[in-house]
C-alpha atoms as a PDB file:
ATOM      1  CA  MET A   1    -155.787 -56.871  17.615  1.00  0.00           C
ATOM      2  CA  THR A   2    -158.638 -57.949  15.338  1.00  0.00           C
ATOM      3  CA  TRP A   3    -158.574 -59.215  11.791  1.00  0.00           C
ATOM      4  CA  SER A   4    -160.227 -58.051   8.652  1.00  0.00           C
ATOM      5  CA  SER A   5    -162.628 -60.624   7.244  1.00  0.00           C
ATOM      6  CA  GLU A   6    -161.312 -60.041   3.725  1.00  0.00           C
ATOM      7  CA  ILE A   7    -158.344 -62.052   2.438  1.00  0.00           C
ATOM      8  CA  PRO A   8    -155.881 -59.767   0.614  1.00  0.00           C
ATOM      9  CA  SER A   9    -155.468 -60.381  -3.104  1.00  0.00           C
ATOM     10  CA  TRP A  10    -152.192 -61.802  -4.336  1.00  0.00           C
ATOM     11  CA  GLN A  11    -151.463 -58.379  -5.833  1.00  0.00           C
ATOM     12  CA  ASP A  12    -151.835 -56.774  -2.393  1.00  0.00           C
ATOM     13  CA  VAL A  13    -149.531 -59.364  -0.829  1.00  0.00           C
ATOM     14  CA  VAL A  14    -146.849 -58.847  -3.469  1.00  0.00           C
ATOM     15  CA  GLN A  15    -147.059 -55.078  -3.065  1.00  0.00           C
ATOM     16  CA  ALA A  16    -146.814 -55.332   0.746  1.00  0.00           C
ATOM     17  CA  LEU A  17    -143.721 -57.534   0.532  1.00  0.00           C
ATOM     18  CA  ARG A  18    -142.047 -55.307  -2.031  1.00  0.00           C
ATOM     19  CA  GLU A  19    -142.747 -52.197   0.037  1.00  0.00           C
ATOM     20  CA  ALA A  20    -141.274 -53.944   3.080  1.00  0.00           C
ATOM     21  CA  SER A  21    -138.096 -54.792   1.169  1.00  0.00           C
ATOM     22  CA  ASP A  22    -137.821 -51.175   0.041  1.00  0.00           C
ATOM     23  CA  ALA A  23    -138.213 -49.865   3.593  1.00  0.00           C
ATOM     24  CA  GLU A  24    -134.978 -51.252   5.043  1.00  0.00           C
ATOM     25  CA  GLU A  25    -131.590 -52.122   3.595  1.00  0.00           C
ATOM     26  CA  SER A  26    -131.250 -55.417   5.475  1.00  0.00           C
ATOM     27  CA  VAL A  27    -134.641 -56.670   4.231  1.00  0.00           C
ATOM     28  CA  ARG A  28    -134.778 -58.348   0.842  1.00  0.00           C
ATOM     29  CA  LEU A  29    -137.024 -60.549  -1.242  1.00  0.00           C
ATOM     30  CA  GLY A  30    -135.967 -63.981  -2.350  1.00  0.00           C
ATOM     31  CA  ASP A  31    -136.289 -64.890  -5.995  1.00  0.00           C
ATOM     32  CA  GLY A  32    -139.665 -66.082  -7.175  1.00  0.00           C
ATOM     33  CA  VAL A  33    -140.140 -69.828  -7.592  1.00  0.00           C
ATOM     34  CA  ASP A  34    -141.561 -71.667 -10.580  1.00  0.00           C
ATOM     35  CA  ASP A  35    -144.445 -74.129 -10.671  1.00  0.00           C
ATOM     36  CA  GLU A  36    -142.134 -77.116 -10.939  1.00  0.00           C
ATOM     37  CA  GLU A  37    -140.542 -76.236  -7.600  1.00  0.00           C
ATOM     38  CA  MET A  38    -143.918 -75.633  -5.964  1.00  0.00           C
ATOM     39  CA  ASP A  39    -145.180 -78.962  -7.278  1.00  0.00           C
ATOM     40  CA  GLY A  40    -142.360 -80.579  -5.298  1.00  0.00           C
ATOM     41  CA  TRP A  41    -143.466 -79.161  -1.955  1.00  0.00           C
ATOM     42  CA  GLY A  42    -145.585 -82.220  -1.204  1.00  0.00           C
ATOM     43  CA  VAL A  43    -148.792 -80.223  -0.723  1.00  0.00           C
ATOM     44  CA  ALA A  44    -151.361 -78.696  -3.031  1.00  0.00           C
ATOM     45  CA  VAL A  45    -150.569 -75.027  -3.708  1.00  0.00           C
ATOM     46  CA  PRO A  46    -153.613 -72.887  -4.586  1.00  0.00           C
ATOM     47  CA  GLU A  47    -153.380 -70.392  -7.412  1.00  0.00           C
ATOM     48  CA  PRO A  48    -153.352 -67.204  -5.249  1.00  0.00           C
ATOM     49  CA  VAL A  49    -150.319 -68.537  -3.341  1.00  0.00           C
ATOM     50  CA  ARG A  50    -148.656 -69.549  -6.603  1.00  0.00           C
ATOM     51  CA  GLU A  51    -149.190 -66.048  -7.988  1.00  0.00           C
ATOM     52  CA  VAL A  52    -147.337 -64.589  -4.997  1.00  0.00           C
ATOM     53  CA  CYS A  53    -144.517 -67.126  -5.069  1.00  0.00           C
ATOM     54  CA  ARG A  54    -143.943 -66.779  -8.807  1.00  0.00           C
ATOM     55  CA  ARG A  55    -143.169 -63.106  -8.294  1.00  0.00           C
ATOM     56  CA  VAL A  56    -141.489 -62.932  -4.899  1.00  0.00           C
ATOM     57  CA  GLY A  57    -139.789 -65.482  -2.712  1.00  0.00           C
ATOM     58  CA  ALA A  58    -139.725 -65.489   1.068  1.00  0.00           C
ATOM     59  CA  LEU A  59    -139.138 -62.126   2.745  1.00  0.00           C
ATOM     60  CA  HIS A  60    -135.687 -62.187   4.371  1.00  0.00           C
ATOM     61  CA  VAL A  61    -135.603 -59.884   7.407  1.00  0.00           C
ATOM     62  CA  GLY A  62    -131.971 -59.433   8.397  1.00  0.00           C
ATOM     63  CA  GLY A  63    -130.995 -61.805  11.187  1.00  0.00           C
ATOM     64  CA  HIS A  64    -134.606 -62.752  11.855  1.00  0.00           C
ATOM     65  CA  GLY A  65    -134.893 -65.233   9.023  1.00  0.00           C
ATOM     66  CA  ASP A  66    -137.319 -65.845   6.180  1.00  0.00           C
ATOM     67  CA  PHE A  67    -141.083 -65.419   6.068  1.00  0.00           C
ATOM     68  CA  GLY A  68    -143.273 -66.950   3.407  1.00  0.00           C
ATOM     69  CA  ALA A  69    -144.572 -70.030   1.612  1.00  0.00           C
ATOM     70  CA  SER A  70    -141.216 -70.553  -0.093  1.00  0.00           C
ATOM     71  CA  TYR A  71    -139.491 -70.827   3.284  1.00  0.00           C
ATOM     72  CA  PRO A  72    -136.730 -73.429   2.751  1.00  0.00           C
ATOM     73  CA  SER A  73    -137.917 -76.732   4.204  1.00  0.00           C
ATOM     74  CA  GLY A  74    -134.341 -77.732   5.002  1.00  0.00           C
ATOM     75  CA  ALA A  75    -134.110 -74.829   7.452  1.00  0.00           C
ATOM     76  CA  VAL A  76    -136.684 -76.356   9.815  1.00  0.00           C
ATOM     77  CA  SER A  77    -134.371 -77.380  12.625  1.00  0.00           C
ATOM     78  CA  GLY A  78    -134.686 -79.889  15.424  1.00  0.00           C
ATOM     79  CA  GLY A  79    -137.328 -81.976  13.699  1.00  0.00           C
ATOM     80  CA  ALA A  80    -139.971 -79.394  14.560  1.00  0.00           C
ATOM     81  CA  ALA A  81    -141.999 -80.076  11.421  1.00  0.00           C
ATOM     82  CA  TRP A  82    -143.358 -83.395  12.729  1.00  0.00           C
ATOM     83  CA  ARG A  83    -145.133 -81.493  15.493  1.00  0.00           C
ATOM     84  CA  CYS A  84    -147.214 -79.593  12.907  1.00  0.00           C
ATOM     85  CA  GLY A  85    -149.276 -82.688  12.161  1.00  0.00           C
ATOM     86  CA  GLU A  86    -149.653 -85.259   9.432  1.00  0.00           C
ATOM     87  CA  PRO A  87    -147.533 -84.859   6.276  1.00  0.00           C
ATOM     88  CA  GLY A  88    -149.466 -82.980   3.619  1.00  0.00           C
ATOM     89  CA  SER A  89    -151.533 -81.051   6.177  1.00  0.00           C
ATOM     90  CA  PHE A  90    -149.251 -78.035   6.614  1.00  0.00           C
ATOM     91  CA  ARG A  91    -146.517 -75.863   5.161  1.00  0.00           C
ATOM     92  CA  VAL A  92    -143.889 -74.276   7.427  1.00  0.00           C
ATOM     93  CA  VAL A  93    -143.594 -70.545   6.683  1.00  0.00           C
ATOM     94  CA  HIS A  94    -141.151 -69.328   9.363  1.00  0.00           C
ATOM     95  CA  THR A  95    -138.943 -70.503  12.220  1.00  0.00           C
ATOM     96  CA  ASN A  96    -136.680 -68.441  14.433  1.00  0.00           C
ATOM     97  CA  ALA A  97    -134.114 -68.493  17.210  1.00  0.00           C
ATOM     98  CA  TYR A  98    -136.854 -68.327  19.851  1.00  0.00           C
ATOM     99  CA  ALA A  99    -137.976 -71.905  19.118  1.00  0.00           C
ATOM    100  CA  GLU A 100    -141.102 -70.700  17.332  1.00  0.00           C
ATOM    101  CA  THR A 101    -142.418 -72.610  14.324  1.00  0.00           C
ATOM    102  CA  TYR A 102    -145.031 -70.934  12.105  1.00  0.00           C
ATOM    103  CA  TYR A 103    -147.031 -72.984   9.639  1.00  0.00           C
ATOM    104  CA  VAL A 104    -150.154 -72.741   7.519  1.00  0.00           C
ATOM    105  CA  ASP A 105    -152.911 -75.345   7.794  1.00  0.00           C
ATOM    106  CA  ILE A 106    -153.658 -77.281   4.593  1.00  0.00           C
ATOM    107  CA  ASP A 107    -156.654 -79.531   4.035  1.00  0.00           C
ATOM    108  CA  PRO A 108    -155.242 -82.675   2.353  1.00  0.00           C
ATOM    109  CA  ALA A 109    -158.670 -83.537   0.924  1.00  0.00           C
ATOM    110  CA  THR A 110    -159.332 -80.224  -0.820  1.00  0.00           C
ATOM    111  CA  GLY A 111    -155.900 -78.581  -0.976  1.00  0.00           C
ATOM    112  CA  ALA A 112    -157.320 -75.435   0.656  1.00  0.00           C
ATOM    113  CA  TRP A 113    -154.899 -73.335   2.708  1.00  0.00           C
ATOM    114  CA  GLY A 114    -156.343 -72.082   5.968  1.00  0.00           C
ATOM    115  CA  PRO A 115    -155.110 -70.254   9.071  1.00  0.00           C
ATOM    116  CA  VAL A 116    -151.526 -69.709  10.194  1.00  0.00           C
ATOM    117  CA  PHE A 117    -150.513 -71.224  13.546  1.00  0.00           C
ATOM    118  CA  LYS A 118    -147.377 -71.240  15.642  1.00  0.00           C
ATOM    119  CA  PHE A 119    -146.011 -73.273  18.522  1.00  0.00           C
ATOM    120  CA  TRP A 120    -142.917 -73.056  20.692  1.00  0.00           C
ATOM    121  CA  GLU A 121    -140.977 -75.352  23.004  1.00  0.00           C
ATOM    122  CA  SER A 122    -143.403 -75.118  25.898  1.00  0.00           C
ATOM    123  CA  HIS A 123    -146.781 -76.817  25.585  1.00  0.00           C
ATOM    124  CA  GLY A 124    -148.685 -74.000  23.950  1.00  0.00           C
ATOM    125  CA  ALA A 125    -149.850 -73.004  20.497  1.00  0.00           C
ATOM    126  CA  GLU A 126    -151.369 -69.941  18.897  1.00  0.00           C
ATOM    127  CA  LEU A 127    -153.672 -69.124  16.024  1.00  0.00           C
ATOM    128  CA  VAL A 128    -151.733 -66.279  14.413  1.00  0.00           C
ATOM    129  CA  ALA A 129    -153.736 -65.223  11.342  1.00  0.00           C
ATOM    130  CA  PRO A 130    -156.785 -66.444   9.400  1.00  0.00           C
ATOM    131  CA  SER A 131    -154.792 -66.858   6.178  1.00  0.00           C
ATOM    132  CA  LEU A 132    -151.240 -66.854   4.901  1.00  0.00           C
ATOM    133  CA  GLN A 133    -151.997 -63.746   2.850  1.00  0.00           C
ATOM    134  CA  GLN A 134    -153.114 -61.773   5.908  1.00  0.00           C
ATOM    135  CA  TRP A 135    -150.093 -62.903   7.885  1.00  0.00           C
ATOM    136  CA  LEU A 136    -147.642 -61.886   5.149  1.00  0.00           C
ATOM    137  CA  VAL A 137    -149.234 -58.444   4.826  1.00  0.00           C
ATOM    138  CA  THR A 138    -148.949 -58.068   8.613  1.00  0.00           C
ATOM    139  CA  VAL A 139    -145.261 -59.054   8.574  1.00  0.00           C
ATOM    140  CA  GLY A 140    -144.669 -56.495   5.812  1.00  0.00           C
ATOM    141  CA  GLU A 141    -146.347 -53.811   7.924  1.00  0.00           C
ATOM    142  CA  LEU A 142    -144.211 -54.736  10.944  1.00  0.00           C
ATOM    143  CA  VAL A 143    -141.072 -54.302   8.839  1.00  0.00           C
ATOM    144  CA  GLU A 144    -142.218 -50.837   7.833  1.00  0.00           C
ATOM    145  CA  HIS A 145    -143.022 -49.893  11.434  1.00  0.00           C
ATOM    146  CA  ALA A 146    -139.596 -51.110  12.537  1.00  0.00           C
ATOM    147  CA  ALA A 147    -137.805 -49.223   9.762  1.00  0.00           C
ATOM    148  CA  ARG A 148    -139.619 -46.044  10.712  1.00  0.00           C
ATOM    149  CA  ASP A 149    -138.928 -46.476  14.454  1.00  0.00           C
ATOM    150  CA  ALA A 150    -135.384 -47.849  14.279  1.00  0.00           C
ATOM    151  CA  GLU A 151    -133.938 -44.758  15.976  1.00  0.00           C
ATOM    152  CA  HIS A 152    -136.013 -45.524  19.083  1.00  0.00           C
ATOM    153  CA  PHE A 153    -134.634 -49.082  19.398  1.00  0.00           C
ATOM    154  CA  ASP A 154    -130.919 -48.821  18.735  1.00  0.00           C
ATOM    155  CA  GLY A 155    -131.400 -50.030  15.182  1.00  0.00           C
ATOM    156  CA  PHE A 156    -133.781 -51.827  12.862  1.00  0.00           C
ATOM    157  CA  SER A 157    -133.103 -55.367  14.083  1.00  0.00           C
ATOM    158  CA  THR A 158    -134.153 -54.629  17.665  1.00  0.00           C
ATOM    159  CA  ALA A 159    -137.083 -52.558  16.450  1.00  0.00           C
ATOM    160  CA  PHE A 160    -138.354 -55.429  14.309  1.00  0.00           C
ATOM    161  CA  LEU A 161    -138.013 -57.925  17.164  1.00  0.00           C
ATOM    162  CA  ASN A 162    -140.049 -55.624  19.394  1.00  0.00           C
ATOM    163  CA  TRP A 163    -142.743 -55.065  16.784  1.00  0.00           C
ATOM    164  CA  PHE A 164    -142.891 -58.749  15.878  1.00  0.00           C
ATOM    165  CA  SER A 165    -143.211 -59.850  19.510  1.00  0.00           C
ATOM    166  CA  GLY A 166    -145.496 -56.999  20.559  1.00  0.00           C
ATOM    167  CA  ASP A 167    -143.216 -56.196  23.491  1.00  0.00           C
ATOM    168  CA  PHE A 168    -141.631 -52.753  23.323  1.00  0.00           C
ATOM    169  CA  ALA A 169    -139.322 -53.248  26.295  1.00  0.00           C
ATOM    170  CA  ASP A 170    -136.312 -51.963  24.329  1.00  0.00           C
ATOM    171  CA  ALA A 171    -137.909 -48.697  23.208  1.00  0.00           C
ATOM    172  CA  ASP A 172    -136.528 -45.361  24.305  1.00  0.00           C
ATOM    173  CA  ASP A 173    -138.600 -42.718  26.085  1.00  0.00           C
ATOM    174  CA  GLU A 174    -139.539 -40.984  22.836  1.00  0.00           C
ATOM    175  CA  PHE A 175    -141.199 -44.011  21.248  1.00  0.00           C
ATOM    176  CA  ASP A 176    -144.973 -43.538  20.994  1.00  0.00           C
ATOM    177  CA  GLU A 177    -146.349 -46.617  22.741  1.00  0.00           C
ATOM    178  CA  ASP A 178    -149.817 -45.051  22.667  1.00  0.00           C
ATOM    179  CA  SER A 179    -150.067 -44.961  18.890  1.00  0.00           C
ATOM    180  CA  PRO A 180    -152.963 -47.046  17.488  1.00  0.00           C
ATOM    181  CA  ALA A 181    -150.549 -49.491  15.825  1.00  0.00           C
ATOM    182  CA  ALA A 182    -148.465 -49.969  18.987  1.00  0.00           C
ATOM    183  CA  LEU A 183    -151.515 -50.383  21.205  1.00  0.00           C
ATOM    184  CA  ALA A 184    -152.972 -52.971  18.824  1.00  0.00           C
ATOM    185  CA  ARG A 185    -149.700 -54.873  18.887  1.00  0.00           C
ATOM    186  CA  THR A 186    -149.293 -54.846  22.666  1.00  0.00           C
ATOM    187  CA  ALA A 187    -152.879 -56.022  23.170  1.00  0.00           C
ATOM    188  CA  GLY A 188    -151.563 -59.532  22.646  1.00  0.00           C
ATOM    189  CA  PRO A 189    -153.533 -62.642  21.781  1.00  0.00           C
ATOM    190  CA  ALA A 190    -156.723 -63.767  23.449  1.00  0.00           C
ATOM    191  CA  THR A 191    -156.714 -67.105  25.279  1.00  0.00           C
ATOM    192  CA  THR A 192    -158.992 -70.074  24.658  1.00  0.00           C
ATOM    193  CA  GLN A 193    -158.920 -73.003  27.036  1.00  0.00           C
ATOM    194  CA  PRO A 194    -158.783 -76.488  25.510  1.00  0.00           C
ATOM    195  CA  VAL A 195    -161.180 -79.256  26.484  1.00  0.00           C
ATOM    196  CA  THR A 196    -160.887 -83.026  26.732  1.00  0.00           C
ATOM    197  CA  ILE A 197    -162.320 -85.335  24.101  1.00  0.00           C
ATOM    198  CA  GLU A 198    -164.857 -86.510  26.683  1.00  0.00           C
ATOM    199  CA  ALA A 199    -166.092 -82.944  27.153  1.00  0.00           C
ATOM    200  CA  ALA A 200    -166.169 -82.399  23.396  1.00  0.00           C
ATOM    201  CA  CYS A 201    -168.230 -85.535  22.789  1.00  0.00           C
ATOM    202  CA  ALA A 202    -170.660 -84.576  25.558  1.00  0.00           C
ATOM    203  CA  SER A 203    -170.954 -80.938  24.476  1.00  0.00           C
ATOM    204  CA  GLY A 204    -173.924 -81.354  22.184  1.00  0.00           C
ATOM    205  CA  ASP A 205    -171.984 -79.568  19.456  1.00  0.00           C
ATOM    206  CA  PRO A 206    -171.846 -81.891  16.423  1.00  0.00           C
ATOM    207  CA  VAL A 207    -168.536 -80.470  15.172  1.00  0.00           C
ATOM    208  CA  LEU A 208    -166.772 -80.878  18.513  1.00  0.00           C
ATOM    209  CA  ALA A 209    -168.306 -84.297  19.038  1.00  0.00           C
ATOM    210  CA  HIS A 210    -167.178 -85.454  15.590  1.00  0.00           C
ATOM    211  CA  VAL A 211    -163.614 -84.249  16.129  1.00  0.00           C
ATOM    212  CA  GLY A 212    -163.488 -85.675  19.648  1.00  0.00           C
ATOM    213  CA  SER A 213    -164.567 -89.080  18.354  1.00  0.00           C
ATOM    214  CA  GLN A 214    -161.530 -89.199  16.038  1.00  0.00           C
ATOM    215  CA  LEU A 215    -158.902 -88.470  18.702  1.00  0.00           C
ATOM    216  CA  PRO A 216    -157.109 -90.870  21.070  1.00  0.00           C
ATOM    217  CA  GLN A 217    -157.480 -90.835  24.827  1.00  0.00           C
ATOM    218  CA  GLY A 218    -155.647 -87.940  26.474  1.00  0.00           C
ATOM    219  CA  ALA A 219    -155.931 -85.608  23.483  1.00  0.00           C
ATOM    220  CA  LEU A 220    -157.172 -82.066  23.945  1.00  0.00           C
ATOM    221  CA  LEU A 221    -158.911 -79.763  21.487  1.00  0.00           C
ATOM    222  CA  ALA A 222    -159.697 -76.067  21.222  1.00  0.00           C
ATOM    223  CA  ASP A 223    -162.646 -74.480  19.440  1.00  0.00           C
ATOM    224  CA  LEU A 224    -161.435 -71.490  17.399  1.00  0.00           C
ATOM    225  CA  ARG A 225    -164.535 -70.971  15.260  1.00  0.00           C
ATOM    226  CA  ALA A 226    -165.536 -67.699  16.925  1.00  0.00           C
ATOM    227  CA  THR A 227    -162.086 -66.108  17.083  1.00  0.00           C
ATOM    228  CA  THR A 228    -161.642 -62.610  15.672  1.00  0.00           C
ATOM    229  CA  GLY A 229    -157.927 -62.155  16.386  1.00  0.00           C
ATOM    230  CA  PRO A 230    -154.763 -63.999  17.470  1.00  0.00           C
ATOM    231  CA  THR A 231    -155.639 -66.649  20.047  1.00  0.00           C
ATOM    232  CA  ARG A 232    -153.389 -68.661  22.334  1.00  0.00           C
ATOM    233  CA  VAL A 233    -154.227 -72.185  23.512  1.00  0.00           C
ATOM    234  CA  PRO A 234    -152.304 -73.285  26.659  1.00  0.00           C
ATOM    235  CA  PHE A 235    -152.578 -77.045  26.158  1.00  0.00           C
ATOM    236  CA  GLY A 236    -149.812 -77.864  28.615  1.00  0.00           C
ATOM    237  CA  ARG A 237    -151.522 -76.046  31.486  1.00  0.00           C
ATOM    238  CA  HIS A 238    -154.712 -78.086  31.260  1.00  0.00           C
ATOM    239  CA  PRO A 239    -155.039 -80.394  34.302  1.00  0.00           C
ATOM    240  CA  MET A 240    -155.735 -83.350  32.006  1.00  0.00           C
ATOM    241  CA  TRP A 241    -152.735 -82.821  29.750  1.00  0.00           C
ATOM    242  CA  PRO A 242    -151.062 -86.265  29.673  1.00  0.00           C
ATOM    243  CA  GLY A 243    -147.537 -84.953  29.243  1.00  0.00           C
ATOM    244  CA  GLY A 244    -145.080 -85.492  26.444  1.00  0.00           C
ATOM    245  CA  THR A 245    -144.309 -83.347  23.424  1.00  0.00           C
ATOM    246  CA  PRO A 246    -147.491 -81.995  21.829  1.00  0.00           C
ATOM    247  CA  VAL A 247    -148.230 -82.877  18.214  1.00  0.00           C
ATOM    248  CA  TYR A 248    -150.852 -80.630  16.670  1.00  0.00           C
ATOM    249  CA  GLY A 249    -153.677 -81.257  14.237  1.00  0.00           C
ATOM    250  CA  ARG A 250    -156.424 -79.181  12.700  1.00  0.00           C
ATOM    251  CA  PHE A 251    -159.995 -80.024  11.769  1.00  0.00           C
ATOM    252  CA  HIS A 252    -163.010 -78.247  10.292  1.00  0.00           C
ATOM    253  CA  ASN A 253    -161.067 -75.929   7.953  1.00  0.00           C
ATOM    254  CA  GLY A 254    -158.464 -75.165  10.595  1.00  0.00           C
ATOM    255  CA  THR A 255    -160.979 -73.907  13.173  1.00  0.00           C
ATOM    256  CA  ILE A 256    -160.469 -76.784  15.623  1.00  0.00           C
ATOM    257  CA  LEU A 257    -156.916 -77.177  16.945  1.00  0.00           C
ATOM    258  CA  THR A 258    -155.935 -80.420  18.639  1.00  0.00           C
ATOM    259  CA  ALA A 259    -152.912 -81.596  20.632  1.00  0.00           C
ATOM    260  CA  ILE A 260    -151.750 -85.127  21.368  1.00  0.00           C
ATOM    261  CA  GLY A 261    -148.893 -85.833  23.782  1.00  0.00           C
ATOM    262  CA  HIS A 262    -146.048 -87.775  22.183  1.00  0.00           C
ATOM    263  CA  THR A 263    -143.521 -89.516  24.412  1.00  0.00           C
END
């Protein structure tokens, strides 16, 4: 699966979310939020995101939870938010029963919103989409695919789970797993191996060296500048991973992902 280089307009995002809510009875849009509420989120909210949120709230997908910038912060369970990084550097946009936390990177200095990442209980993380807008349009498309294919999965809920995960294990024999959309989904993310701060500082790359110089001993970092699609980073499998619960950070407009073990 590869991404388009163009960020969808707020109008395109709103249309995609509305079409998703029209595609299935159990999918609905939350109410839009006003600027006063957004000002209380504790992060800068750029105008394109505000335009979306003023018109539509988070997309509620049946038993699979909410998706969007207006995801209720109180719903982030188990203290997962602290693993996203420093306060003011992220906004959680989805969590689910599979211990996955999705969040968008935010540059505290400029207020710019960057890529969407996720992590789960094991020591791994993934770059999911280059922008919140692209991720929301993708989620809307997955809802529509699931609504169309519900008969092949014993209902919409199972169909959406399969489309969202990219694993069509629950499909019946008549489901077209060779369709372009299904093949793109099952392709799965690429994998980028992290490196130590010592390797980053010795790389000769000024960006990696600068980031490496700001991290404590034992931290790992992954270079995501050349990615063109979803990319997984298996921090916990690196031989130099120090152990502990990983806390993530982003540098260089969200293109360098870091992990520090917290005990």
